[in-house]
Amino acid sequence: MDKKIDNLLKIWQKKNILGIYCGNKSEAVEKIMAIIPQGATVGISGSVTLEQLAIVKSLEAGGNKVFNQYKAGITREESLELRKQGILADYYLTSANGISITGELVFLSAYGSRTAGISNAKNVIVVAGINKLTGSLEEAIKRAKEYAMPLNYKRLNWDASKIMCCQVLIVEAEATAERLKVIMVGEDLGY
């Protein structure tokens, strides 16, 4: 682990955020599975990072109920309902769109379920690749809006005339110690 990441984990510790470093995707999956107890309910946000980890499949195979709004064959209304249920789950699993070297986490959300889950869930796990780390909060916001958002427009076939990311959440610290856990992965993941 490089000095920059070590320093970031120390910053998060001072901000009541538990920072965890995993060298690669398989270590990250192992860590998530160790944190989330078997049988716990799990809400998820839309995330290429989570897709790359195939974590939903692992959690379901381990006996967890995952409120998966992306399950094949469900209606838009069912998807929106699963998002709401996910916010109230035992754990909420997501990824950041940008992370500053000073510890701020930046998230964009279309329907608000992601920002609500991060803000309100009992336990939150943020998984992010090293590629999401930036030199400042301003750069993290810019990365989210100018890099990640256009790629998500394309990935989701979103009508470019409609605003996709209607909410921006910046997490600077956490009031409840270790409610929020950030797993930094030492490889590129997601957008």
N, C-alpha and C. Protein backbone atom coordinates (compact mmCIF):
# COMPACT_ATOMS: atom_id res chain seq x y z
N MET A 1 0.86 -1.18 0.00
CA MET A 1 0.00 0.00 0.00
C MET A 1 0.90 1.23 0.00
N ASP A 2 0.58 2.18 -0.87
CA ASP A 2 1.44 3.36 -0.93
C ASP A 2 1.09 4.36 0.17
N LYS A 3 1.98 5.30 0.37
CA LYS A 3 1.87 6.27 1.46
C LYS A 3 0.60 7.12 1.33
N LYS A 4 0.24 7.44 0.10
CA LYS A 4 -0.95 8.25 -0.16
C LYS A 4 -2.21 7.56 0.37
N ILE A 5 -2.33 6.26 0.13
CA ILE A 5 -3.49 5.49 0.61
C ILE A 5 -3.44 5.35 2.12
N ASP A 6 -2.27 5.08 2.67
CA ASP A 6 -2.12 4.96 4.11
C ASP A 6 -2.57 6.26 4.80
N ASN A 7 -2.18 7.39 4.24
CA ASN A 7 -2.57 8.69 4.79
C ASN A 7 -4.09 8.89 4.70
N LEU A 8 -4.68 8.48 3.58
CA LEU A 8 -6.13 8.60 3.40
C LEU A 8 -6.88 7.77 4.44
N LEU A 9 -6.43 6.57 4.71
CA LEU A 9 -7.07 5.72 5.73
C LEU A 9 -6.99 6.38 7.10
N LYS A 10 -5.88 7.05 7.39
CA LYS A 10 -5.74 7.77 8.67
C LYS A 10 -6.67 8.97 8.74
N ILE A 11 -6.83 9.67 7.63
CA ILE A 11 -7.76 10.80 7.58
C ILE A 11 -9.18 10.31 7.86
N TRP A 12 -9.57 9.22 7.20
CA TRP A 12 -10.92 8.69 7.42
C TRP A 12 -11.12 8.28 8.88
N GLN A 13 -10.10 7.70 9.48
CA GLN A 13 -10.22 7.29 10.88
C GLN A 13 -10.58 8.48 11.76
N LYS A 14 -9.96 9.63 11.50
CA LYS A 14 -10.25 10.85 12.27
C LYS A 14 -11.68 11.36 12.00
N LYS A 15 -12.25 10.94 10.87
CA LYS A 15 -13.59 11.40 10.47
C LYS A 15 -14.67 10.34 10.76
N ASN A 16 -14.36 9.35 11.59
CA ASN A 16 -15.29 8.27 11.95
C ASN A 16 -15.66 7.36 10.77
N ILE A 17 -14.83 7.31 9.77
CA ILE A 17 -15.03 6.43 8.62
C ILE A 17 -13.97 5.34 8.69
N LEU A 18 -14.39 4.10 8.58
CA LEU A 18 -13.44 2.99 8.60
C LEU A 18 -12.94 2.76 7.18
N GLY A 19 -11.68 3.06 6.94
CA GLY A 19 -11.06 2.83 5.65
C GLY A 19 -10.32 1.51 5.66
N ILE A 20 -10.51 0.73 4.60
CA ILE A 20 -9.90 -0.59 4.47
C ILE A 20 -9.24 -0.66 3.09
N TYR A 21 -8.02 -1.16 3.03
CA TYR A 21 -7.36 -1.32 1.74
C TYR A 21 -7.33 -2.79 1.35
N CYS A 22 -7.71 -3.07 0.12
CA CYS A 22 -7.61 -4.42 -0.46
C CYS A 22 -6.80 -4.29 -1.75
N GLY A 23 -5.86 -5.17 -1.95
CA GLY A 23 -4.98 -5.09 -3.10
C GLY A 23 -5.63 -5.36 -4.43
N ASN A 24 -6.72 -6.17 -4.43
CA ASN A 24 -7.36 -6.51 -5.70
C ASN A 24 -8.84 -6.85 -5.48
N LYS A 25 -9.53 -7.15 -6.59
CA LYS A 25 -10.97 -7.42 -6.54
C LYS A 25 -11.31 -8.61 -5.66
N SER A 26 -10.56 -9.69 -5.75
CA SER A 26 -10.92 -10.88 -4.97
C SER A 26 -10.77 -10.61 -3.47
N GLU A 27 -9.76 -9.85 -3.07
CA GLU A 27 -9.63 -9.47 -1.67
C GLU A 27 -10.80 -8.61 -1.22
N ALA A 28 -11.25 -7.72 -2.10
CA ALA A 28 -12.39 -6.85 -1.78
C ALA A 28 -13.66 -7.67 -1.58
N VAL A 29 -13.90 -8.63 -2.45
CA VAL A 29 -15.07 -9.50 -2.31
C VAL A 29 -15.00 -10.27 -0.99
N GLU A 30 -13.84 -10.82 -0.68
CA GLU A 30 -13.66 -11.54 0.59
C GLU A 30 -13.97 -10.64 1.79
N LYS A 31 -13.49 -9.39 1.72
CA LYS A 31 -13.70 -8.44 2.82
C LYS A 31 -15.18 -8.10 2.97
N ILE A 32 -15.86 -7.86 1.86
CA ILE A 32 -17.30 -7.55 1.90
C ILE A 32 -18.06 -8.73 2.51
N MET A 33 -17.73 -9.93 2.06
CA MET A 33 -18.41 -11.13 2.56
C MET A 33 -18.13 -11.35 4.05
N ALA A 34 -16.97 -10.93 4.52
CA ALA A 34 -16.63 -11.06 5.94
C ALA A 34 -17.37 -10.01 6.78
N ILE A 35 -17.63 -8.84 6.21
CA ILE A 35 -18.31 -7.77 6.94
C ILE A 35 -19.81 -8.02 7.03
N ILE A 36 -20.42 -8.44 5.92
CA ILE A 36 -21.88 -8.62 5.88
C ILE A 36 -22.23 -10.02 6.37
N PRO A 37 -22.96 -10.11 7.49
CA PRO A 37 -23.30 -11.43 8.02
C PRO A 37 -24.26 -12.19 7.10
N GLN A 38 -24.13 -13.50 7.11
CA GLN A 38 -25.04 -14.34 6.35
C GLN A 38 -26.45 -14.08 6.84
N GLY A 39 -27.39 -13.92 5.92
CA GLY A 39 -28.78 -13.67 6.27
C GLY A 39 -29.15 -12.21 6.37
N ALA A 40 -28.16 -11.31 6.39
CA ALA A 40 -28.44 -9.88 6.44
C ALA A 40 -29.04 -9.42 5.11
N THR A 41 -29.89 -8.41 5.17
CA THR A 41 -30.44 -7.82 3.95
C THR A 41 -29.47 -6.77 3.42
N VAL A 42 -29.45 -6.62 2.08
CA VAL A 42 -28.48 -5.74 1.45
C VAL A 42 -29.17 -4.93 0.35
N GLY A 43 -29.03 -3.61 0.44
CA GLY A 43 -29.44 -2.72 -0.63
C GLY A 43 -28.21 -2.38 -1.47
N ILE A 44 -28.44 -2.12 -2.75
CA ILE A 44 -27.32 -1.77 -3.64
C ILE A 44 -27.68 -0.56 -4.48
N SER A 45 -26.65 0.13 -4.91
CA SER A 45 -26.86 1.20 -5.89
C SER A 45 -26.38 0.69 -7.24
N GLY A 46 -26.76 1.39 -8.28
CA GLY A 46 -26.23 1.08 -9.59
C GLY A 46 -24.73 1.35 -9.58
N SER A 47 -23.93 0.41 -10.06
CA SER A 47 -22.49 0.58 -9.97
C SER A 47 -21.77 -0.42 -10.87
N VAL A 48 -20.95 0.10 -11.75
CA VAL A 48 -20.11 -0.77 -12.57
C VAL A 48 -19.11 -1.50 -11.67
N THR A 49 -18.63 -0.82 -10.64
CA THR A 49 -17.69 -1.45 -9.70
C THR A 49 -18.31 -2.70 -9.08
N LEU A 50 -19.54 -2.58 -8.59
CA LEU A 50 -20.21 -3.74 -7.98
C LEU A 50 -20.43 -4.84 -9.01
N GLU A 51 -20.75 -4.47 -10.25
CA GLU A 51 -20.90 -5.47 -11.32
C GLU A 51 -19.57 -6.19 -11.55
N GLN A 52 -18.47 -5.45 -11.58
CA GLN A 52 -17.16 -6.06 -11.83
C GLN A 52 -16.77 -7.02 -10.70
N LEU A 53 -17.24 -6.74 -9.50
CA LEU A 53 -16.97 -7.63 -8.36
C LEU A 53 -17.90 -8.84 -8.34
N ALA A 54 -19.00 -8.79 -9.12
CA ALA A 54 -20.03 -9.83 -9.10
C ALA A 54 -20.50 -10.10 -7.67
N ILE A 55 -20.60 -9.04 -6.89
CA ILE A 55 -20.89 -9.18 -5.47
C ILE A 55 -22.33 -9.58 -5.19
N VAL A 56 -23.27 -9.16 -6.03
CA VAL A 56 -24.68 -9.55 -5.80
C VAL A 56 -24.82 -11.06 -5.85
N LYS A 57 -24.20 -11.67 -6.84
CA LYS A 57 -24.24 -13.13 -6.98
C LYS A 57 -23.62 -13.80 -5.75
N SER A 58 -22.49 -13.30 -5.29
CA SER A 58 -21.82 -13.86 -4.10
C SER A 58 -22.69 -13.74 -2.86
N LEU A 59 -23.30 -12.56 -2.68
CA LEU A 59 -24.15 -12.35 -1.51
C LEU A 59 -25.37 -13.27 -1.53
N GLU A 60 -26.02 -13.36 -2.69
CA GLU A 60 -27.19 -14.22 -2.80
C GLU A 60 -26.82 -15.69 -2.57
N ALA A 61 -25.67 -16.10 -3.10
CA ALA A 61 -25.22 -17.48 -2.90
C ALA A 61 -24.91 -17.74 -1.42
N GLY A 62 -24.53 -16.69 -0.70
CA GLY A 62 -24.23 -16.81 0.72
C GLY A 62 -25.44 -16.70 1.63
N GLY A 63 -26.64 -16.59 1.05
CA GLY A 63 -27.85 -16.56 1.85
C GLY A 63 -28.36 -15.17 2.21
N ASN A 64 -27.83 -14.14 1.57
CA ASN A 64 -28.30 -12.79 1.82
C ASN A 64 -29.44 -12.42 0.89
N LYS A 65 -30.39 -11.65 1.40
CA LYS A 65 -31.47 -11.09 0.59
C LYS A 65 -30.95 -9.76 0.05
N VAL A 66 -30.80 -9.67 -1.28
CA VAL A 66 -30.33 -8.45 -1.94
C VAL A 66 -31.50 -7.80 -2.65
N PHE A 67 -31.73 -6.54 -2.34
CA PHE A 67 -32.77 -5.77 -3.03
C PHE A 67 -32.17 -5.25 -4.33
N ASN A 68 -32.25 -6.09 -5.36
CA ASN A 68 -31.58 -5.83 -6.63
C ASN A 68 -32.53 -5.21 -7.63
N GLN A 69 -32.46 -3.91 -7.76
CA GLN A 69 -33.33 -3.18 -8.69
C GLN A 69 -32.99 -3.42 -10.15
N TYR A 70 -31.93 -4.16 -10.41
CA TYR A 70 -31.52 -4.46 -11.78
C TYR A 70 -31.82 -5.90 -12.20
N LYS A 71 -32.59 -6.60 -11.37
CA LYS A 71 -32.96 -7.98 -11.68
C LYS A 71 -33.70 -8.03 -13.02
N ALA A 72 -33.35 -8.98 -13.84
CA ALA A 72 -33.97 -9.12 -15.16
C ALA A 72 -35.46 -9.39 -15.04
N GLY A 73 -36.22 -8.78 -15.92
CA GLY A 73 -37.65 -9.07 -16.02
C GLY A 73 -38.56 -8.28 -15.08
N ILE A 74 -38.03 -7.35 -14.31
CA ILE A 74 -38.90 -6.58 -13.42
C ILE A 74 -39.32 -5.28 -14.09
N THR A 75 -40.43 -4.73 -13.63
CA THR A 75 -40.94 -3.49 -14.19
C THR A 75 -40.21 -2.29 -13.57
N ARG A 76 -40.40 -1.12 -14.16
CA ARG A 76 -39.81 0.11 -13.61
C ARG A 76 -40.32 0.35 -12.20
N GLU A 77 -41.61 0.13 -11.98
CA GLU A 77 -42.21 0.33 -10.65
C GLU A 77 -41.60 -0.63 -9.63
N GLU A 78 -41.39 -1.88 -10.03
CA GLU A 78 -40.75 -2.85 -9.14
C GLU A 78 -39.31 -2.44 -8.83
N SER A 79 -38.61 -1.92 -9.83
CA SER A 79 -37.24 -1.46 -9.64
C SER A 79 -37.20 -0.31 -8.63
N LEU A 80 -38.10 0.65 -8.78
CA LEU A 80 -38.14 1.78 -7.85
C LEU A 80 -38.49 1.32 -6.44
N GLU A 81 -39.37 0.34 -6.31
CA GLU A 81 -39.73 -0.19 -4.99
C GLU A 81 -38.54 -0.91 -4.34
N LEU A 82 -37.79 -1.66 -5.13
CA LEU A 82 -36.60 -2.34 -4.59
C LEU A 82 -35.55 -1.34 -4.13
N ARG A 83 -35.44 -0.21 -4.82
CA ARG A 83 -34.51 0.85 -4.39
C ARG A 83 -34.90 1.36 -3.01
N LYS A 84 -36.19 1.59 -2.81
CA LYS A 84 -36.69 2.07 -1.50
C LYS A 84 -36.43 1.04 -0.41
N GLN A 85 -36.68 -0.22 -0.70
CA GLN A 85 -36.45 -1.28 0.29
C GLN A 85 -34.96 -1.39 0.61
N GLY A 86 -34.12 -1.19 -0.39
CA GLY A 86 -32.68 -1.27 -0.20
C GLY A 86 -32.13 -0.25 0.79
N ILE A 87 -32.76 0.92 0.82
CA ILE A 87 -32.34 1.97 1.75
C ILE A 87 -32.52 1.52 3.20
N LEU A 88 -33.52 0.67 3.44
CA LEU A 88 -33.85 0.21 4.79
C LEU A 88 -33.19 -1.12 5.14
N ALA A 89 -32.36 -1.63 4.24
CA ALA A 89 -31.69 -2.92 4.47
C ALA A 89 -30.68 -2.82 5.61
N ASP A 90 -30.21 -3.98 6.07
CA ASP A 90 -29.18 -4.02 7.11
C ASP A 90 -27.87 -3.38 6.64
N TYR A 91 -27.56 -3.55 5.35
CA TYR A 91 -26.34 -3.00 4.76
C TYR A 91 -26.69 -2.36 3.43
N TYR A 92 -26.00 -1.28 3.11
CA TYR A 92 -26.15 -0.63 1.81
C TYR A 92 -24.78 -0.64 1.14
N LEU A 93 -24.72 -1.15 -0.07
CA LEU A 93 -23.47 -1.34 -0.80
C LEU A 93 -23.47 -0.44 -2.03
N THR A 94 -22.39 0.31 -2.21
CA THR A 94 -22.33 1.28 -3.29
C THR A 94 -20.88 1.54 -3.69
N SER A 95 -20.68 2.43 -4.64
CA SER A 95 -19.36 2.91 -4.99
C SER A 95 -19.41 4.42 -5.13
N ALA A 96 -18.27 5.07 -4.97
CA ALA A 96 -18.19 6.52 -5.12
C ALA A 96 -17.89 6.87 -6.58
N ASN A 97 -18.28 8.08 -6.97
CA ASN A 97 -17.93 8.58 -8.30
C ASN A 97 -16.59 9.31 -8.29
N GLY A 98 -16.21 9.78 -7.11
CA GLY A 98 -14.93 10.46 -6.94
C GLY A 98 -14.56 10.49 -5.46
N ILE A 99 -13.28 10.43 -5.18
CA ILE A 99 -12.77 10.49 -3.81
C ILE A 99 -11.58 11.44 -3.81
N SER A 100 -11.59 12.38 -2.87
CA SER A 100 -10.46 13.31 -2.78
C SER A 100 -9.40 12.74 -1.84
N ILE A 101 -8.20 13.15 -2.06
CA ILE A 101 -7.08 12.71 -1.23
C ILE A 101 -7.22 13.21 0.21
N THR A 102 -8.10 14.20 0.40
CA THR A 102 -8.38 14.73 1.75
C THR A 102 -9.57 14.04 2.40
N GLY A 103 -10.11 13.00 1.74
CA GLY A 103 -11.10 12.14 2.37
C GLY A 103 -12.55 12.33 2.00
N GLU A 104 -12.89 13.35 1.22
CA GLU A 104 -14.29 13.54 0.84
C GLU A 104 -14.69 12.51 -0.23
N LEU A 105 -15.92 12.04 -0.10
CA LEU A 105 -16.49 11.06 -1.04
C LEU A 105 -17.60 11.75 -1.82
N VAL A 106 -17.60 11.60 -3.14
CA VAL A 106 -18.59 12.26 -3.99
C VAL A 106 -19.44 11.19 -4.67
N PHE A 107 -20.77 11.39 -4.58
CA PHE A 107 -21.73 10.46 -5.16
C PHE A 107 -22.76 11.24 -5.99
N LEU A 108 -23.14 10.69 -7.14
CA LEU A 108 -24.22 11.23 -7.94
C LEU A 108 -25.37 10.23 -7.92
N SER A 109 -26.60 10.73 -8.00
CA SER A 109 -27.76 9.85 -8.00
C SER A 109 -28.86 10.40 -8.89
N ALA A 110 -29.52 9.51 -9.62
CA ALA A 110 -30.63 9.93 -10.48
C ALA A 110 -31.94 10.03 -9.70
N TYR A 111 -32.27 8.99 -8.95
CA TYR A 111 -33.57 8.93 -8.27
C TYR A 111 -33.48 9.24 -6.78
N GLY A 112 -32.28 9.42 -6.27
CA GLY A 112 -32.10 9.75 -4.86
C GLY A 112 -31.96 8.55 -3.94
N SER A 113 -32.15 7.35 -4.46
CA SER A 113 -32.04 6.18 -3.58
C SER A 113 -30.59 5.98 -3.15
N ARG A 114 -29.65 6.27 -4.01
CA ARG A 114 -28.24 6.11 -3.67
C ARG A 114 -27.85 7.09 -2.55
N THR A 115 -28.20 8.36 -2.72
CA THR A 115 -27.85 9.35 -1.70
C THR A 115 -28.60 9.07 -0.40
N ALA A 116 -29.84 8.61 -0.49
CA ALA A 116 -30.61 8.27 0.72
C ALA A 116 -30.01 7.06 1.42
N GLY A 117 -29.61 6.05 0.65
CA GLY A 117 -29.00 4.85 1.23
C GLY A 117 -27.72 5.17 1.96
N ILE A 118 -26.87 5.97 1.33
CA ILE A 118 -25.59 6.33 1.94
C ILE A 118 -25.82 7.16 3.21
N SER A 119 -26.79 8.05 3.16
CA SER A 119 -27.05 8.95 4.29
C SER A 119 -27.78 8.28 5.44
N ASN A 120 -28.63 7.28 5.14
CA ASN A 120 -29.55 6.77 6.15
C ASN A 120 -29.43 5.31 6.54
N ALA A 121 -28.76 4.50 5.74
CA ALA A 121 -28.71 3.06 6.04
C ALA A 121 -27.98 2.80 7.36
N LYS A 122 -28.32 1.68 7.99
CA LYS A 122 -27.68 1.29 9.26
C LYS A 122 -26.17 1.11 9.08
N ASN A 123 -25.80 0.47 7.99
CA ASN A 123 -24.39 0.18 7.68
C ASN A 123 -24.18 0.44 6.20
N VAL A 124 -23.11 1.13 5.86
CA VAL A 124 -22.81 1.46 4.47
C VAL A 124 -21.40 0.98 4.14
N ILE A 125 -21.29 0.30 3.00
CA ILE A 125 -19.98 -0.10 2.49
C ILE A 125 -19.80 0.52 1.11
N VAL A 126 -18.78 1.34 0.98
CA VAL A 126 -18.42 1.97 -0.29
C VAL A 126 -17.19 1.23 -0.81
N VAL A 127 -17.26 0.73 -2.03
CA VAL A 127 -16.12 0.05 -2.64
C VAL A 127 -15.67 0.90 -3.82
N ALA A 128 -14.38 1.20 -3.89
CA ALA A 128 -13.89 2.05 -4.97
C ALA A 128 -12.50 1.63 -5.41
N GLY A 129 -12.32 1.66 -6.71
CA GLY A 129 -11.00 1.41 -7.28
C GLY A 129 -10.10 2.62 -7.09
N ILE A 130 -8.83 2.38 -7.18
CA ILE A 130 -7.82 3.41 -7.01
C ILE A 130 -7.96 4.53 -8.05
N ASN A 131 -8.58 4.21 -9.19
CA ASN A 131 -8.78 5.18 -10.26
C ASN A 131 -9.71 6.33 -9.86
N LYS A 132 -10.46 6.18 -8.79
CA LYS A 132 -11.42 7.22 -8.38
C LYS A 132 -10.80 8.25 -7.44
N LEU A 133 -9.56 8.06 -7.09
CA LEU A 133 -8.87 8.97 -6.18
C LEU A 133 -8.36 10.20 -6.95
N THR A 134 -8.67 11.39 -6.40
CA THR A 134 -8.26 12.65 -7.03
C THR A 134 -7.50 13.51 -6.03
N GLY A 135 -6.91 14.59 -6.53
CA GLY A 135 -6.08 15.45 -5.70
C GLY A 135 -6.82 16.43 -4.81
N SER A 136 -8.13 16.64 -5.05
CA SER A 136 -8.89 17.60 -4.25
C SER A 136 -10.39 17.31 -4.36
N LEU A 137 -11.17 17.94 -3.51
CA LEU A 137 -12.62 17.81 -3.60
C LEU A 137 -13.12 18.33 -4.94
N GLU A 138 -12.61 19.45 -5.39
CA GLU A 138 -13.03 20.02 -6.68
C GLU A 138 -12.78 19.03 -7.82
N GLU A 139 -11.62 18.37 -7.78
CA GLU A 139 -11.30 17.38 -8.81
C GLU A 139 -12.21 16.15 -8.71
N ALA A 140 -12.58 15.77 -7.50
CA ALA A 140 -13.49 14.62 -7.31
C ALA A 140 -14.87 14.94 -7.89
N ILE A 141 -15.36 16.15 -7.66
CA ILE A 141 -16.65 16.56 -8.23
C ILE A 141 -16.56 16.61 -9.75
N LYS A 142 -15.49 17.18 -10.25
CA LYS A 142 -15.29 17.26 -11.70
C LYS A 142 -15.23 15.86 -12.31
N ARG A 143 -14.51 14.96 -11.66
CA ARG A 143 -14.42 13.58 -12.14
C ARG A 143 -15.80 12.95 -12.22
N ALA A 144 -16.60 13.14 -11.17
CA ALA A 144 -17.95 12.56 -11.13
C ALA A 144 -18.81 13.09 -12.27
N LYS A 145 -18.80 14.39 -12.45
CA LYS A 145 -19.70 15.02 -13.43
C LYS A 145 -19.20 14.94 -14.87
N GLU A 146 -17.89 15.06 -15.06
CA GLU A 146 -17.36 15.16 -16.42
C GLU A 146 -16.79 13.85 -16.96
N TYR A 147 -16.55 12.89 -16.08
CA TYR A 147 -16.02 11.60 -16.53
C TYR A 147 -17.03 10.48 -16.31
N ALA A 148 -17.43 10.27 -15.06
CA ALA A 148 -18.32 9.14 -14.74
C ALA A 148 -19.72 9.33 -15.32
N MET A 149 -20.28 10.52 -15.17
CA MET A 149 -21.66 10.72 -15.63
C MET A 149 -21.83 10.47 -17.14
N PRO A 150 -21.00 11.01 -18.01
CA PRO A 150 -21.18 10.73 -19.44
C PRO A 150 -21.08 9.23 -19.77
N LEU A 151 -20.18 8.52 -19.09
CA LEU A 151 -20.06 7.08 -19.33
C LEU A 151 -21.32 6.34 -18.88
N ASN A 152 -21.93 6.80 -17.78
CA ASN A 152 -23.18 6.19 -17.32
C ASN A 152 -24.35 6.52 -18.25
N TYR A 153 -24.38 7.72 -18.82
CA TYR A 153 -25.40 8.05 -19.83
C TYR A 153 -25.34 7.01 -20.95
N LYS A 154 -24.14 6.76 -21.43
CA LYS A 154 -23.94 5.82 -22.54
C LYS A 154 -24.31 4.39 -22.12
N ARG A 155 -23.81 3.96 -20.96
CA ARG A 155 -24.04 2.59 -20.48
C ARG A 155 -25.53 2.30 -20.30
N LEU A 156 -26.27 3.27 -19.80
CA LEU A 156 -27.69 3.07 -19.48
C LEU A 156 -28.63 3.51 -20.60
N ASN A 157 -28.05 3.91 -21.75
CA ASN A 157 -28.86 4.42 -22.87
C ASN A 157 -29.82 5.52 -22.41
N TRP A 158 -29.32 6.41 -21.58
CA TRP A 158 -30.11 7.49 -21.01
C TRP A 158 -30.28 8.58 -22.06
N ASP A 159 -31.48 9.11 -22.17
CA ASP A 159 -31.77 10.20 -23.10
C ASP A 159 -30.93 11.41 -22.69
N ALA A 160 -30.03 11.82 -23.55
CA ALA A 160 -29.09 12.90 -23.23
C ALA A 160 -29.78 14.24 -22.99
N SER A 161 -31.04 14.38 -23.42
CA SER A 161 -31.75 15.64 -23.18
C SER A 161 -32.33 15.71 -21.76
N LYS A 162 -32.26 14.59 -21.02
CA LYS A 162 -32.77 14.55 -19.66
C LYS A 162 -31.62 14.48 -18.66
N ILE A 163 -31.78 15.17 -17.55
CA ILE A 163 -30.73 15.16 -16.53
C ILE A 163 -30.71 13.80 -15.85
N MET A 164 -29.53 13.21 -15.76
CA MET A 164 -29.40 11.90 -15.11
C MET A 164 -29.11 12.04 -13.62
N CYS A 165 -28.14 12.83 -13.31
CA CYS A 165 -27.69 12.92 -11.91
C CYS A 165 -28.29 14.15 -11.27
N CYS A 166 -29.40 13.92 -10.59
CA CYS A 166 -30.19 15.00 -10.03
C CYS A 166 -29.74 15.40 -8.63
N GLN A 167 -29.04 14.52 -7.94
CA GLN A 167 -28.53 14.81 -6.61
C GLN A 167 -27.03 14.58 -6.57
N VAL A 168 -26.36 15.42 -5.79
CA VAL A 168 -24.93 15.26 -5.53
C VAL A 168 -24.78 15.18 -4.01
N LEU A 169 -24.13 14.14 -3.54
CA LEU A 169 -23.85 13.98 -2.12
C LEU A 169 -22.34 14.01 -1.92
N ILE A 170 -21.92 14.85 -0.98
CA ILE A 170 -20.51 14.90 -0.59
C ILE A 170 -20.45 14.49 0.88
N VAL A 171 -19.76 13.40 1.15
CA VAL A 171 -19.58 12.95 2.52
C VAL A 171 -18.21 13.42 2.98
N GLU A 172 -18.22 14.26 4.01
CA GLU A 172 -16.97 14.79 4.56
C GLU A 172 -16.51 14.00 5.79
N ALA A 173 -17.49 13.49 6.55
CA ALA A 173 -17.21 12.76 7.78
C ALA A 173 -18.47 11.99 8.15
N GLU A 174 -18.40 11.24 9.22
CA GLU A 174 -19.53 10.42 9.67
C GLU A 174 -19.75 10.67 11.16
N ALA A 175 -21.00 10.88 11.57
CA ALA A 175 -21.33 11.12 12.98
C ALA A 175 -21.20 9.85 13.81
N THR A 176 -21.60 8.72 13.23
CA THR A 176 -21.57 7.44 13.94
C THR A 176 -20.32 6.67 13.53
N ALA A 177 -19.46 6.40 14.49
CA ALA A 177 -18.19 5.72 14.18
C ALA A 177 -18.42 4.40 13.46
N GLU A 178 -17.72 4.24 12.35
CA GLU A 178 -17.66 3.02 11.55
C GLU A 178 -18.98 2.57 10.93
N ARG A 179 -20.03 3.40 10.96
CA ARG A 179 -21.24 3.09 10.19
C ARG A 179 -20.89 3.03 8.71
N LEU A 180 -19.99 3.92 8.31
CA LEU A 180 -19.56 4.02 6.93
C LEU A 180 -18.17 3.41 6.80
N LYS A 181 -18.07 2.42 5.91
CA LYS A 181 -16.80 1.76 5.64
C LYS A 181 -16.45 1.98 4.17
N VAL A 182 -15.20 2.31 3.90
CA VAL A 182 -14.75 2.48 2.53
C VAL A 182 -13.66 1.47 2.25
N ILE A 183 -13.90 0.63 1.26
CA ILE A 183 -12.92 -0.35 0.82
C ILE A 183 -12.25 0.20 -0.44
N MET A 184 -11.00 0.60 -0.29
CA MET A 184 -10.22 1.06 -1.44
C MET A 184 -9.51 -0.15 -2.04
N VAL A 185 -9.68 -0.33 -3.34
CA VAL A 185 -9.11 -1.47 -4.03
C VAL A 185 -7.93 -0.99 -4.87
N GLY A 186 -6.83 -1.67 -4.79
CA GLY A 186 -5.60 -1.26 -5.46
C GLY A 186 -5.56 -1.56 -6.94
N GLU A 187 -6.69 -1.45 -7.60
CA GLU A 187 -6.75 -1.57 -9.07
C GLU A 187 -7.91 -0.74 -9.57
N ASP A 188 -7.92 -0.47 -10.87
CA ASP A 188 -9.00 0.33 -11.45
C ASP A 188 -10.30 -0.47 -11.47
N LEU A 189 -11.37 0.19 -11.00
CA LEU A 189 -12.71 -0.42 -11.01
C LEU A 189 -13.72 0.66 -11.37
N GLY A 190 -14.70 0.31 -12.17
CA GLY A 190 -15.79 1.23 -12.48
C GLY A 190 -15.34 2.46 -13.21
N TYR A 191 -16.27 3.43 -13.21
CA TYR A 191 -16.00 4.71 -13.90
C TYR A 191 -15.56 5.74 -12.89
